[in-house]
Amino acid sequence: MSKPYQPRYQWAPTWPDNVKPNEPVLDFAAHDGDERAGRVYKATGGPQDKQWQWCGAHPSTGWRGNPIMPNSGFEDTAGIAVQRCEEYWDAMKQLVEDQRFKPEDEPDQDEAQAPR
């Protein structure tokens, strides 16, 4: 049997001031340093009742273009939703890192050498 997923980022209640004693917390936000990395919360009605929704975020600096899709979804457990959210955050950070080395606004080799 495989080991359960171990979260790598800091998770805390999304709205800590609204946490009530003796009531379960059903909404959490992930933080990677100062960055908000995503959110998971339990649906309490509708067709996804009792499922956990994950919502991915993207880095606040260096980001351009379209996000990786899907950037949210529903899972049966909070643990799986956390894993999906963290995997999405990691993929978005990698995309931003890759963009740093492939600037869109630089001409390609042929354009750079073309006479004007």
N, C-alpha and C. Protein backbone atom coordinates (compact mmCIF):
# COMPACT_ATOMS: atom_id res chain seq x y z
N MET A 1 0.84 -1.18 0.00
CA MET A 1 0.00 0.00 0.00
C MET A 1 0.88 1.25 0.00
N SER A 2 0.53 2.24 -0.81
CA SER A 2 1.34 3.45 -0.90
C SER A 2 1.06 4.38 0.29
N LYS A 3 2.05 5.18 0.59
CA LYS A 3 1.92 6.13 1.70
C LYS A 3 0.99 7.27 1.29
N PRO A 4 0.24 7.81 2.24
CA PRO A 4 -0.64 8.94 1.91
C PRO A 4 0.20 10.16 1.54
N TYR A 5 -0.37 11.00 0.71
CA TYR A 5 0.30 12.22 0.26
C TYR A 5 0.63 13.11 1.46
N GLN A 6 1.81 13.66 1.46
CA GLN A 6 2.23 14.58 2.51
C GLN A 6 2.31 16.00 1.94
N PRO A 7 1.46 16.91 2.40
CA PRO A 7 1.48 18.29 1.88
C PRO A 7 2.86 18.93 2.06
N ARG A 8 3.25 19.74 1.09
CA ARG A 8 4.55 20.41 1.11
C ARG A 8 4.43 21.89 1.44
N TYR A 9 3.24 22.44 1.37
CA TYR A 9 3.05 23.87 1.61
C TYR A 9 2.29 24.08 2.91
N GLN A 10 2.24 25.31 3.34
CA GLN A 10 1.57 25.67 4.59
C GLN A 10 0.08 25.84 4.36
N TRP A 11 -0.76 25.08 5.04
CA TRP A 11 -2.21 25.16 4.91
C TRP A 11 -2.80 25.71 6.19
N ALA A 12 -3.75 26.63 6.04
CA ALA A 12 -4.42 27.23 7.20
C ALA A 12 -5.85 27.59 6.80
N PRO A 13 -6.73 27.79 7.77
CA PRO A 13 -8.09 28.22 7.42
C PRO A 13 -8.06 29.48 6.55
N THR A 14 -8.90 29.48 5.52
CA THR A 14 -8.95 30.62 4.60
C THR A 14 -9.35 31.89 5.33
N TRP A 15 -10.32 31.78 6.21
CA TRP A 15 -10.77 32.93 7.01
C TRP A 15 -10.65 32.58 8.49
N PRO A 16 -9.46 32.72 9.07
CA PRO A 16 -9.26 32.29 10.46
C PRO A 16 -10.17 33.00 11.46
N ASP A 17 -10.55 34.23 11.16
CA ASP A 17 -11.42 34.96 12.08
C ASP A 17 -12.83 34.39 12.13
N ASN A 18 -13.21 33.58 11.14
CA ASN A 18 -14.55 32.99 11.10
C ASN A 18 -14.61 31.57 11.65
N VAL A 19 -13.48 31.05 12.11
CA VAL A 19 -13.47 29.69 12.67
C VAL A 19 -14.21 29.71 14.00
N LYS A 20 -15.19 28.80 14.13
CA LYS A 20 -16.01 28.74 15.34
C LYS A 20 -15.65 27.49 16.14
N PRO A 21 -15.62 27.63 17.47
CA PRO A 21 -15.33 26.47 18.31
C PRO A 21 -16.35 25.35 18.06
N ASN A 22 -15.89 24.14 18.10
CA ASN A 22 -16.74 22.95 17.95
C ASN A 22 -17.37 22.80 16.57
N GLU A 23 -16.92 23.55 15.58
CA GLU A 23 -17.39 23.38 14.21
C GLU A 23 -16.19 23.04 13.33
N PRO A 24 -16.37 22.10 12.41
CA PRO A 24 -15.23 21.73 11.56
C PRO A 24 -14.86 22.86 10.60
N VAL A 25 -13.58 22.97 10.32
CA VAL A 25 -13.11 23.93 9.33
C VAL A 25 -13.19 23.23 7.97
N LEU A 26 -13.87 23.86 7.03
CA LEU A 26 -14.11 23.24 5.72
C LEU A 26 -13.51 24.05 4.57
N ASP A 27 -12.66 25.02 4.88
CA ASP A 27 -12.12 25.90 3.85
C ASP A 27 -10.69 26.26 4.23
N PHE A 28 -9.74 25.88 3.36
CA PHE A 28 -8.32 26.09 3.66
C PHE A 28 -7.60 26.74 2.48
N ALA A 29 -6.59 27.55 2.80
CA ALA A 29 -5.75 28.18 1.79
C ALA A 29 -4.31 27.70 1.98
N ALA A 30 -3.63 27.52 0.86
CA ALA A 30 -2.23 27.10 0.88
C ALA A 30 -1.35 28.32 0.66
N HIS A 31 -0.22 28.32 1.35
CA HIS A 31 0.75 29.40 1.19
C HIS A 31 2.13 28.81 0.93
N ASP A 32 2.82 29.42 -0.01
CA ASP A 32 4.20 29.07 -0.35
C ASP A 32 4.99 30.34 -0.10
N GLY A 33 5.52 30.49 1.11
CA GLY A 33 6.12 31.77 1.50
C GLY A 33 5.03 32.83 1.54
N ASP A 34 5.25 33.94 0.83
CA ASP A 34 4.27 35.02 0.79
C ASP A 34 3.21 34.83 -0.28
N GLU A 35 3.33 33.80 -1.09
CA GLU A 35 2.39 33.57 -2.20
C GLU A 35 1.22 32.70 -1.75
N ARG A 36 0.05 33.05 -2.23
CA ARG A 36 -1.14 32.20 -2.03
C ARG A 36 -1.11 31.14 -3.12
N ALA A 37 -0.98 29.88 -2.74
CA ALA A 37 -0.77 28.80 -3.69
C ALA A 37 -2.05 28.11 -4.13
N GLY A 38 -3.15 28.32 -3.43
CA GLY A 38 -4.40 27.69 -3.81
C GLY A 38 -5.34 27.58 -2.64
N ARG A 39 -6.45 26.89 -2.89
CA ARG A 39 -7.49 26.78 -1.88
C ARG A 39 -8.23 25.46 -2.07
N VAL A 40 -8.67 24.86 -0.96
CA VAL A 40 -9.57 23.71 -0.99
C VAL A 40 -10.71 23.99 -0.02
N TYR A 41 -11.91 23.58 -0.41
CA TYR A 41 -13.05 23.70 0.51
C TYR A 41 -14.08 22.64 0.20
N LYS A 42 -14.86 22.31 1.21
CA LYS A 42 -15.87 21.26 1.07
C LYS A 42 -17.18 21.86 0.60
N ALA A 43 -17.71 21.31 -0.48
CA ALA A 43 -19.00 21.74 -0.99
C ALA A 43 -20.09 21.28 -0.02
N THR A 44 -21.04 22.15 0.23
CA THR A 44 -22.10 21.83 1.19
C THR A 44 -23.48 21.94 0.55
N GLY A 45 -23.58 21.47 -0.66
CA GLY A 45 -24.86 21.47 -1.36
C GLY A 45 -24.63 21.29 -2.85
N GLY A 46 -25.72 21.14 -3.57
CA GLY A 46 -25.62 21.01 -5.02
C GLY A 46 -25.11 19.65 -5.44
N PRO A 47 -24.81 19.50 -6.73
CA PRO A 47 -24.42 18.19 -7.25
C PRO A 47 -23.09 17.68 -6.70
N GLN A 48 -22.23 18.57 -6.23
CA GLN A 48 -20.94 18.15 -5.67
C GLN A 48 -20.97 18.10 -4.14
N ASP A 49 -22.15 18.02 -3.55
CA ASP A 49 -22.30 18.01 -2.09
C ASP A 49 -21.33 17.01 -1.46
N LYS A 50 -20.62 17.47 -0.45
CA LYS A 50 -19.67 16.67 0.34
C LYS A 50 -18.38 16.35 -0.39
N GLN A 51 -18.18 16.88 -1.58
CA GLN A 51 -16.89 16.73 -2.25
C GLN A 51 -16.03 17.95 -1.91
N TRP A 52 -14.74 17.79 -2.10
CA TRP A 52 -13.79 18.87 -1.83
C TRP A 52 -13.36 19.50 -3.15
N GLN A 53 -13.53 20.80 -3.25
CA GLN A 53 -13.09 21.51 -4.45
C GLN A 53 -11.69 22.06 -4.22
N TRP A 54 -10.85 21.89 -5.22
CA TRP A 54 -9.53 22.52 -5.19
C TRP A 54 -9.50 23.60 -6.26
N CYS A 55 -8.83 24.69 -5.96
CA CYS A 55 -8.69 25.82 -6.88
C CYS A 55 -7.22 26.21 -6.90
N GLY A 56 -6.60 26.08 -8.06
CA GLY A 56 -5.19 26.40 -8.18
C GLY A 56 -4.96 27.88 -8.36
N ALA A 57 -3.79 28.32 -7.98
CA ALA A 57 -3.40 29.72 -8.14
C ALA A 57 -2.19 29.79 -9.07
N HIS A 58 -1.81 31.01 -9.43
CA HIS A 58 -0.59 31.18 -10.21
C HIS A 58 0.28 32.21 -9.52
N PRO A 59 1.60 32.12 -9.72
CA PRO A 59 2.49 33.06 -9.07
C PRO A 59 2.14 34.51 -9.43
N SER A 60 2.32 35.40 -8.48
CA SER A 60 1.92 36.79 -8.69
C SER A 60 2.93 37.58 -9.52
N THR A 61 4.16 37.10 -9.63
CA THR A 61 5.15 37.80 -10.44
C THR A 61 5.68 36.88 -11.53
N GLY A 62 5.99 37.47 -12.66
CA GLY A 62 6.56 36.72 -13.76
C GLY A 62 5.55 35.96 -14.60
N TRP A 63 4.29 36.11 -14.28
CA TRP A 63 3.24 35.34 -14.94
C TRP A 63 2.73 36.08 -16.17
N ARG A 64 2.54 35.34 -17.27
CA ARG A 64 1.90 35.89 -18.46
C ARG A 64 1.29 34.74 -19.24
N GLY A 65 0.27 35.05 -20.00
CA GLY A 65 -0.34 34.01 -20.83
C GLY A 65 -1.53 33.35 -20.17
N ASN A 66 -1.85 32.18 -20.65
CA ASN A 66 -3.00 31.43 -20.17
C ASN A 66 -2.57 30.43 -19.10
N PRO A 67 -3.42 30.22 -18.10
CA PRO A 67 -3.07 29.23 -17.07
C PRO A 67 -3.21 27.81 -17.61
N ILE A 68 -2.57 26.90 -16.94
CA ILE A 68 -2.74 25.49 -17.23
C ILE A 68 -4.17 25.12 -16.85
N MET A 69 -4.81 24.34 -17.68
CA MET A 69 -6.19 23.93 -17.39
C MET A 69 -6.24 22.42 -17.24
N PRO A 70 -7.11 21.87 -16.41
CA PRO A 70 -8.04 22.60 -15.55
C PRO A 70 -7.30 23.20 -14.36
N ASN A 71 -7.83 24.30 -13.86
CA ASN A 71 -7.22 24.95 -12.70
C ASN A 71 -8.08 24.78 -11.44
N SER A 72 -9.07 23.90 -11.51
CA SER A 72 -9.87 23.55 -10.35
C SER A 72 -10.58 22.22 -10.63
N GLY A 73 -11.10 21.63 -9.57
CA GLY A 73 -11.83 20.38 -9.73
C GLY A 73 -12.37 19.91 -8.39
N PHE A 74 -13.07 18.79 -8.42
CA PHE A 74 -13.65 18.22 -7.21
C PHE A 74 -13.05 16.85 -6.95
N GLU A 75 -12.83 16.56 -5.67
CA GLU A 75 -12.28 15.27 -5.25
C GLU A 75 -13.10 14.74 -4.08
N ASP A 76 -13.00 13.46 -3.82
CA ASP A 76 -13.77 12.83 -2.74
C ASP A 76 -13.23 13.15 -1.35
N THR A 77 -11.94 13.45 -1.25
CA THR A 77 -11.35 13.71 0.07
C THR A 77 -10.55 15.01 0.05
N ALA A 78 -10.39 15.59 1.24
CA ALA A 78 -9.58 16.80 1.37
C ALA A 78 -8.12 16.51 0.98
N GLY A 79 -7.63 15.33 1.36
CA GLY A 79 -6.24 14.98 1.05
C GLY A 79 -5.95 14.95 -0.43
N ILE A 80 -6.84 14.38 -1.21
CA ILE A 80 -6.63 14.33 -2.66
C ILE A 80 -6.76 15.74 -3.24
N ALA A 81 -7.70 16.54 -2.74
CA ALA A 81 -7.85 17.92 -3.22
C ALA A 81 -6.58 18.73 -2.93
N VAL A 82 -6.01 18.55 -1.75
CA VAL A 82 -4.76 19.24 -1.40
C VAL A 82 -3.65 18.82 -2.38
N GLN A 83 -3.55 17.54 -2.65
CA GLN A 83 -2.53 17.05 -3.58
C GLN A 83 -2.71 17.68 -4.96
N ARG A 84 -3.92 17.69 -5.48
CA ARG A 84 -4.18 18.28 -6.81
C ARG A 84 -3.82 19.77 -6.82
N CYS A 85 -4.19 20.46 -5.76
CA CYS A 85 -3.91 21.89 -5.66
C CYS A 85 -2.40 22.15 -5.65
N GLU A 86 -1.67 21.38 -4.87
CA GLU A 86 -0.22 21.55 -4.80
C GLU A 86 0.46 21.16 -6.11
N GLU A 87 -0.03 20.12 -6.76
CA GLU A 87 0.53 19.73 -8.05
C GLU A 87 0.30 20.84 -9.08
N TYR A 88 -0.87 21.45 -9.03
CA TYR A 88 -1.16 22.56 -9.95
C TYR A 88 -0.21 23.73 -9.68
N TRP A 89 -0.05 24.08 -8.41
CA TRP A 89 0.85 25.19 -8.04
C TRP A 89 2.27 24.91 -8.54
N ASP A 90 2.74 23.70 -8.34
CA ASP A 90 4.08 23.35 -8.80
C ASP A 90 4.19 23.48 -10.32
N ALA A 91 3.16 23.03 -11.05
CA ALA A 91 3.17 23.14 -12.51
C ALA A 91 3.17 24.60 -12.96
N MET A 92 2.40 25.44 -12.28
CA MET A 92 2.37 26.86 -12.64
C MET A 92 3.71 27.53 -12.34
N LYS A 93 4.33 27.18 -11.22
CA LYS A 93 5.65 27.75 -10.91
C LYS A 93 6.66 27.33 -11.97
N GLN A 94 6.58 26.08 -12.43
CA GLN A 94 7.49 25.61 -13.47
C GLN A 94 7.24 26.35 -14.78
N LEU A 95 5.98 26.59 -15.11
CA LEU A 95 5.65 27.32 -16.33
C LEU A 95 6.24 28.74 -16.29
N VAL A 96 6.11 29.40 -15.16
CA VAL A 96 6.68 30.75 -15.01
C VAL A 96 8.20 30.68 -15.14
N GLU A 97 8.81 29.69 -14.55
CA GLU A 97 10.27 29.53 -14.65
C GLU A 97 10.68 29.30 -16.10
N ASP A 98 9.94 28.47 -16.82
CA ASP A 98 10.24 28.21 -18.22
C ASP A 98 10.08 29.49 -19.06
N GLN A 99 9.10 30.32 -18.74
CA GLN A 99 8.88 31.56 -19.48
C GLN A 99 10.03 32.54 -19.29
N ARG A 100 10.66 32.48 -18.13
CA ARG A 100 11.80 33.37 -17.89
C ARG A 100 12.92 33.12 -18.88
N PHE A 101 13.07 31.91 -19.34
CA PHE A 101 14.16 31.55 -20.25
C PHE A 101 13.74 31.58 -21.71
N LYS A 102 12.46 31.86 -22.00
CA LYS A 102 11.97 31.94 -23.36
C LYS A 102 11.11 33.20 -23.50
N PRO A 103 11.72 34.37 -23.46
CA PRO A 103 10.92 35.59 -23.53
C PRO A 103 10.13 35.68 -24.83
N GLU A 104 8.88 36.07 -24.74
CA GLU A 104 8.02 36.21 -25.91
C GLU A 104 8.42 37.40 -26.78
N ASP A 105 8.92 38.44 -26.15
CA ASP A 105 9.14 39.67 -26.90
C ASP A 105 10.54 39.76 -27.53
N GLU A 106 11.38 38.76 -27.38
CA GLU A 106 12.68 38.76 -28.04
C GLU A 106 12.53 38.18 -29.44
N PRO A 107 13.15 38.80 -30.44
CA PRO A 107 13.07 38.24 -31.79
C PRO A 107 13.82 36.92 -31.87
N ASP A 108 13.36 36.06 -32.78
CA ASP A 108 14.11 34.83 -32.95
C ASP A 108 15.40 35.13 -33.71
N GLN A 109 16.25 34.15 -33.87
CA GLN A 109 17.59 34.33 -34.45
C GLN A 109 17.52 34.97 -35.84
N ASP A 110 16.60 34.53 -36.71
CA ASP A 110 16.51 35.06 -38.08
C ASP A 110 16.08 36.52 -38.06
N GLU A 111 15.12 36.88 -37.22
CA GLU A 111 14.65 38.26 -37.15
C GLU A 111 15.74 39.18 -36.62
N ALA A 112 16.54 38.69 -35.67
CA ALA A 112 17.57 39.52 -35.07
C ALA A 112 18.67 39.89 -36.08
N GLN A 113 18.91 39.04 -37.09
CA GLN A 113 19.97 39.29 -38.05
C GLN A 113 19.47 39.88 -39.36
N ALA A 114 18.18 40.05 -39.52
CA ALA A 114 17.64 40.58 -40.76
C ALA A 114 18.00 42.06 -40.91
N PRO A 115 18.40 42.46 -42.12
CA PRO A 115 18.73 43.89 -42.34
C PRO A 115 17.47 44.73 -42.21
N ARG A 116 17.64 45.96 -41.82
CA ARG A 116 16.49 46.86 -41.64
C ARG A 116 16.42 47.87 -42.74
